Amino acid sequence: MANNRILSEKLESLLQGIHEQYGNALTDELIARLENTIADFNEEIDSLMSELKENATLKEKLMADIKSGKNEKNDEPKEDSAEEVKEVSEWEKRLEGLS
């Protein structure tokens, strides 16, 4: 709460300087933009936090699957990768033969 009070005092002193120099309309516009910026920031943070939570849940599930021996999905891409390497080697041989 002390931080909020300090922040409010600092913002108020800054806004007084702006108000004195530019008037009511521009001060109100600045406050509205600050409120929109803060609202956007809060929405982005909420979204990021929910994504982090989902990722943590997924990682926990994957770790549990790995520990229990249910690693079937991870084995399949390894086989595909070996086939892709084999295919690349055949293409490389063909390209070398053309040279």
N, C-alpha and C. Protein backbone atom coordinates (compact mmCIF):
# COMPACT_ATOMS: atom_id res chain seq x y z
N MET A 1 0.80 -1.19 0.00
CA MET A 1 0.00 0.00 0.00
C MET A 1 0.85 1.26 0.00
N ALA A 2 2.00 1.19 0.66
CA ALA A 2 2.89 2.36 0.69
C ALA A 2 3.40 2.67 -0.71
N ASN A 3 3.66 1.62 -1.50
CA ASN A 3 4.11 1.82 -2.87
C ASN A 3 3.04 2.52 -3.70
N ASN A 4 1.79 2.13 -3.50
CA ASN A 4 0.69 2.77 -4.23
C ASN A 4 0.59 4.24 -3.88
N ARG A 5 0.76 4.56 -2.60
CA ARG A 5 0.68 5.95 -2.16
C ARG A 5 1.81 6.76 -2.80
N ILE A 6 3.02 6.21 -2.79
CA ILE A 6 4.17 6.90 -3.39
C ILE A 6 3.94 7.11 -4.89
N LEU A 7 3.46 6.06 -5.54
CA LEU A 7 3.19 6.14 -6.97
C LEU A 7 2.10 7.17 -7.27
N SER A 8 1.05 7.18 -6.46
CA SER A 8 -0.03 8.16 -6.65
C SER A 8 0.48 9.58 -6.47
N GLU A 9 1.30 9.81 -5.45
CA GLU A 9 1.85 11.14 -5.22
C GLU A 9 2.73 11.58 -6.38
N LYS A 10 3.57 10.68 -6.85
CA LYS A 10 4.47 11.00 -7.97
C LYS A 10 3.65 11.31 -9.23
N LEU A 11 2.65 10.48 -9.52
CA LEU A 11 1.80 10.69 -10.69
C LEU A 11 1.04 12.01 -10.58
N GLU A 12 0.55 12.30 -9.39
CA GLU A 12 -0.18 13.55 -9.18
C GLU A 12 0.72 14.77 -9.42
N SER A 13 1.96 14.70 -8.95
CA SER A 13 2.87 15.84 -9.16
C SER A 13 3.20 16.00 -10.64
N LEU A 14 3.37 14.88 -11.35
CA LEU A 14 3.64 14.95 -12.79
C LEU A 14 2.43 15.51 -13.54
N LEU A 15 1.25 15.06 -13.16
CA LEU A 15 0.04 15.52 -13.82
C LEU A 15 -0.22 17.00 -13.56
N GLN A 16 0.13 17.50 -12.38
CA GLN A 16 -0.03 18.93 -12.10
C GLN A 16 0.81 19.77 -13.04
N GLY A 17 2.05 19.33 -13.27
CA GLY A 17 2.91 20.04 -14.20
C GLY A 17 2.35 20.03 -15.61
N ILE A 18 1.81 18.90 -16.01
CA ILE A 18 1.23 18.80 -17.35
C ILE A 18 -0.04 19.65 -17.42
N HIS A 19 -0.85 19.58 -16.39
CA HIS A 19 -2.10 20.34 -16.37
C HIS A 19 -1.82 21.84 -16.44
N GLU A 20 -0.84 22.29 -15.70
CA GLU A 20 -0.51 23.71 -15.71
C GLU A 20 0.00 24.15 -17.08
N GLN A 21 0.73 23.25 -17.74
CA GLN A 21 1.34 23.63 -19.01
C GLN A 21 0.38 23.44 -20.19
N TYR A 22 -0.43 22.36 -20.19
CA TYR A 22 -1.24 22.04 -21.37
C TYR A 22 -2.74 22.16 -21.17
N GLY A 23 -3.22 22.19 -19.95
CA GLY A 23 -4.65 22.36 -19.71
C GLY A 23 -5.37 21.06 -19.41
N ASN A 24 -6.66 21.23 -19.16
CA ASN A 24 -7.52 20.11 -18.75
C ASN A 24 -7.68 19.03 -19.82
N ALA A 25 -7.93 19.43 -21.03
CA ALA A 25 -8.23 18.47 -22.10
C ALA A 25 -7.08 17.50 -22.31
N LEU A 26 -5.87 18.02 -22.39
CA LEU A 26 -4.73 17.14 -22.63
C LEU A 26 -4.40 16.29 -21.40
N THR A 27 -4.61 16.83 -20.23
CA THR A 27 -4.39 16.05 -19.01
C THR A 27 -5.39 14.89 -18.95
N ASP A 28 -6.65 15.16 -19.27
CA ASP A 28 -7.66 14.10 -19.28
C ASP A 28 -7.34 13.03 -20.32
N GLU A 29 -6.87 13.49 -21.49
CA GLU A 29 -6.48 12.53 -22.54
C GLU A 29 -5.32 11.66 -22.08
N LEU A 30 -4.35 12.26 -21.42
CA LEU A 30 -3.20 11.51 -20.91
C LEU A 30 -3.64 10.47 -19.89
N ILE A 31 -4.53 10.86 -18.99
CA ILE A 31 -5.03 9.93 -17.98
C ILE A 31 -5.78 8.78 -18.65
N ALA A 32 -6.61 9.08 -19.64
CA ALA A 32 -7.36 8.04 -20.35
C ALA A 32 -6.41 7.07 -21.04
N ARG A 33 -5.36 7.58 -21.67
CA ARG A 33 -4.39 6.72 -22.35
C ARG A 33 -3.61 5.87 -21.35
N LEU A 34 -3.27 6.46 -20.21
CA LEU A 34 -2.58 5.70 -19.17
C LEU A 34 -3.47 4.56 -18.67
N GLU A 35 -4.75 4.84 -18.46
CA GLU A 35 -5.68 3.80 -18.02
C GLU A 35 -5.80 2.69 -19.06
N ASN A 36 -5.87 3.05 -20.35
CA ASN A 36 -5.93 2.04 -21.41
C ASN A 36 -4.66 1.21 -21.46
N THR A 37 -3.52 1.87 -21.31
CA THR A 37 -2.24 1.16 -21.33
C THR A 37 -2.17 0.17 -20.18
N ILE A 38 -2.60 0.58 -19.01
CA ILE A 38 -2.58 -0.30 -17.84
C ILE A 38 -3.54 -1.46 -18.03
N ALA A 39 -4.72 -1.19 -18.58
CA ALA A 39 -5.70 -2.26 -18.83
C ALA A 39 -5.14 -3.27 -19.84
N ASP A 40 -4.51 -2.79 -20.92
CA ASP A 40 -3.90 -3.68 -21.91
C ASP A 40 -2.80 -4.52 -21.28
N PHE A 41 -1.98 -3.88 -20.46
CA PHE A 41 -0.89 -4.58 -19.78
C PHE A 41 -1.45 -5.68 -18.89
N ASN A 42 -2.49 -5.37 -18.12
CA ASN A 42 -3.09 -6.36 -17.24
C ASN A 42 -3.66 -7.54 -18.04
N GLU A 43 -4.30 -7.27 -19.17
CA GLU A 43 -4.83 -8.34 -20.01
C GLU A 43 -3.71 -9.23 -20.54
N GLU A 44 -2.62 -8.62 -21.00
CA GLU A 44 -1.49 -9.39 -21.51
C GLU A 44 -0.87 -10.24 -20.42
N ILE A 45 -0.73 -9.68 -19.23
CA ILE A 45 -0.15 -10.43 -18.11
C ILE A 45 -1.07 -11.60 -17.74
N ASP A 46 -2.37 -11.36 -17.70
CA ASP A 46 -3.31 -12.44 -17.40
C ASP A 46 -3.20 -13.56 -18.43
N SER A 47 -3.10 -13.18 -19.69
CA SER A 47 -2.96 -14.16 -20.76
C SER A 47 -1.66 -14.95 -20.62
N LEU A 48 -0.57 -14.25 -20.36
CA LEU A 48 0.72 -14.92 -20.18
C LEU A 48 0.70 -15.87 -18.98
N MET A 49 0.10 -15.43 -17.90
CA MET A 49 0.04 -16.27 -16.71
C MET A 49 -0.78 -17.53 -16.97
N SER A 50 -1.89 -17.42 -17.69
CA SER A 50 -2.68 -18.61 -17.99
C SER A 50 -1.93 -19.54 -18.93
N GLU A 51 -1.17 -18.98 -19.89
CA GLU A 51 -0.35 -19.82 -20.76
C GLU A 51 0.73 -20.54 -19.97
N LEU A 52 1.36 -19.83 -19.04
CA LEU A 52 2.37 -20.46 -18.19
C LEU A 52 1.77 -21.59 -17.36
N LYS A 53 0.58 -21.36 -16.86
CA LYS A 53 -0.09 -22.38 -16.06
C LYS A 53 -0.40 -23.61 -16.92
N GLU A 54 -0.89 -23.39 -18.14
CA GLU A 54 -1.18 -24.50 -19.04
C GLU A 54 0.09 -25.26 -19.40
N ASN A 55 1.17 -24.52 -19.68
CA ASN A 55 2.44 -25.17 -20.02
C ASN A 55 2.98 -25.98 -18.85
N ALA A 56 2.84 -25.46 -17.64
CA ALA A 56 3.31 -26.18 -16.45
C ALA A 56 2.51 -27.47 -16.27
N THR A 57 1.20 -27.40 -16.49
CA THR A 57 0.36 -28.59 -16.38
C THR A 57 0.75 -29.62 -17.43
N LEU A 58 1.00 -29.16 -18.66
CA LEU A 58 1.40 -30.05 -19.74
C LEU A 58 2.76 -30.71 -19.43
N LYS A 59 3.70 -29.92 -18.92
CA LYS A 59 5.01 -30.47 -18.57
C LYS A 59 4.90 -31.51 -17.47
N GLU A 60 4.06 -31.23 -16.48
CA GLU A 60 3.87 -32.20 -15.41
C GLU A 60 3.29 -33.50 -15.95
N LYS A 61 2.33 -33.40 -16.87
CA LYS A 61 1.73 -34.58 -17.46
C LYS A 61 2.76 -35.36 -18.28
N LEU A 62 3.56 -34.64 -19.06
CA LEU A 62 4.58 -35.31 -19.85
C LEU A 62 5.62 -35.99 -18.97
N MET A 63 6.01 -35.33 -17.89
CA MET A 63 6.97 -35.94 -16.97
C MET A 63 6.38 -37.19 -16.33
N ALA A 64 5.11 -37.14 -15.96
CA ALA A 64 4.46 -38.30 -15.38
C ALA A 64 4.40 -39.44 -16.39
N ASP A 65 4.11 -39.13 -17.65
CA ASP A 65 4.08 -40.14 -18.71
C ASP A 65 5.46 -40.76 -18.92
N ILE A 66 6.48 -39.92 -18.91
CA ILE A 66 7.85 -40.42 -19.11
C ILE A 66 8.24 -41.33 -17.95
N LYS A 67 7.92 -40.91 -16.73
CA LYS A 67 8.27 -41.72 -15.55
C LYS A 67 7.52 -43.04 -15.53
N SER A 68 6.29 -43.06 -16.04
CA SER A 68 5.50 -44.29 -16.03
C SER A 68 5.79 -45.16 -17.25
N GLY A 69 6.62 -44.70 -18.16
CA GLY A 69 6.99 -45.51 -19.33
C GLY A 69 6.10 -45.29 -20.53
N LYS A 70 5.22 -44.35 -20.48
CA LYS A 70 4.35 -44.06 -21.62
C LYS A 70 5.02 -43.05 -22.53
N ASN A 71 6.07 -43.46 -23.18
CA ASN A 71 6.86 -42.56 -24.01
C ASN A 71 6.73 -42.94 -25.48
N GLU A 72 5.57 -43.51 -25.84
CA GLU A 72 5.37 -43.98 -27.21
C GLU A 72 5.39 -42.85 -28.22
N LYS A 73 4.81 -41.70 -27.86
CA LYS A 73 4.74 -40.58 -28.80
C LYS A 73 6.13 -40.02 -29.09
N ASN A 74 7.02 -40.06 -28.14
CA ASN A 74 8.36 -39.54 -28.34
C ASN A 74 9.22 -40.46 -29.20
N ASP A 75 8.87 -41.78 -29.24
CA ASP A 75 9.65 -42.72 -30.05
C ASP A 75 9.35 -42.56 -31.54
N GLU A 76 8.12 -42.24 -31.89
CA GLU A 76 7.74 -42.13 -33.29
C GLU A 76 8.51 -41.05 -34.04
N PRO A 77 8.65 -39.85 -33.50
CA PRO A 77 9.40 -38.83 -34.24
C PRO A 77 10.85 -39.20 -34.47
N LYS A 78 11.45 -39.98 -33.56
CA LYS A 78 12.83 -40.40 -33.75
C LYS A 78 12.96 -41.27 -34.99
N GLU A 79 11.97 -42.18 -35.19
CA GLU A 79 11.99 -43.01 -36.38
C GLU A 79 11.81 -42.16 -37.64
N ASP A 80 10.91 -41.21 -37.59
CA ASP A 80 10.70 -40.31 -38.72
C ASP A 80 11.97 -39.52 -39.00
N SER A 81 12.65 -39.09 -37.97
CA SER A 81 13.87 -38.32 -38.15
C SER A 81 14.93 -39.17 -38.85
N ALA A 82 15.02 -40.44 -38.49
CA ALA A 82 15.99 -41.32 -39.12
C ALA A 82 15.65 -41.51 -40.60
N GLU A 83 14.35 -41.62 -40.89
CA GLU A 83 13.93 -41.75 -42.29
C GLU A 83 14.23 -40.48 -43.07
N GLU A 84 14.02 -39.33 -42.44
CA GLU A 84 14.31 -38.07 -43.10
C GLU A 84 15.79 -37.95 -43.40
N VAL A 85 16.63 -38.38 -42.48
CA VAL A 85 18.08 -38.34 -42.70
C VAL A 85 18.45 -39.26 -43.84
N LYS A 86 17.81 -40.43 -43.89
CA LYS A 86 18.07 -41.37 -44.98
C LYS A 86 17.66 -40.76 -46.32
N GLU A 87 16.48 -40.11 -46.36
CA GLU A 87 16.02 -39.47 -47.58
C GLU A 87 16.95 -38.35 -47.99
N VAL A 88 17.41 -37.59 -47.05
CA VAL A 88 18.33 -36.50 -47.35
C VAL A 88 19.61 -37.07 -47.95
N SER A 89 20.08 -38.17 -47.40
CA SER A 89 21.30 -38.78 -47.92
C SER A 89 21.10 -39.24 -49.36
N GLU A 90 19.94 -39.82 -49.66
CA GLU A 90 19.67 -40.26 -51.03
C GLU A 90 19.63 -39.06 -51.97
N TRP A 91 19.00 -37.96 -51.54
CA TRP A 91 18.96 -36.76 -52.37
C TRP A 91 20.36 -36.19 -52.56
N GLU A 92 21.15 -36.21 -51.52
CA GLU A 92 22.52 -35.72 -51.63
C GLU A 92 23.30 -36.56 -52.64
N LYS A 93 23.10 -37.86 -52.62
CA LYS A 93 23.79 -38.73 -53.58
C LYS A 93 23.35 -38.41 -55.01
N ARG A 94 22.07 -38.19 -55.21
CA ARG A 94 21.57 -37.86 -56.54
C ARG A 94 22.15 -36.54 -57.03
N LEU A 95 22.19 -35.54 -56.13
CA LEU A 95 22.74 -34.25 -56.50
C LEU A 95 24.23 -34.34 -56.82
N GLU A 96 24.94 -35.16 -56.06
CA GLU A 96 26.37 -35.36 -56.35
C GLU A 96 26.56 -36.04 -57.70
N GLY A 97 25.67 -36.95 -58.03
CA GLY A 97 25.76 -37.64 -59.30
C GLY A 97 25.51 -36.71 -60.48
N LEU A 98 24.73 -35.68 -60.30
CA LEU A 98 24.44 -34.73 -61.37
C LEU A 98 25.63 -33.80 -61.63
N SER A 99 26.46 -33.61 -60.65
CA SER A 99 27.57 -32.67 -60.79
C SER A 99 28.66 -33.21 -61.66
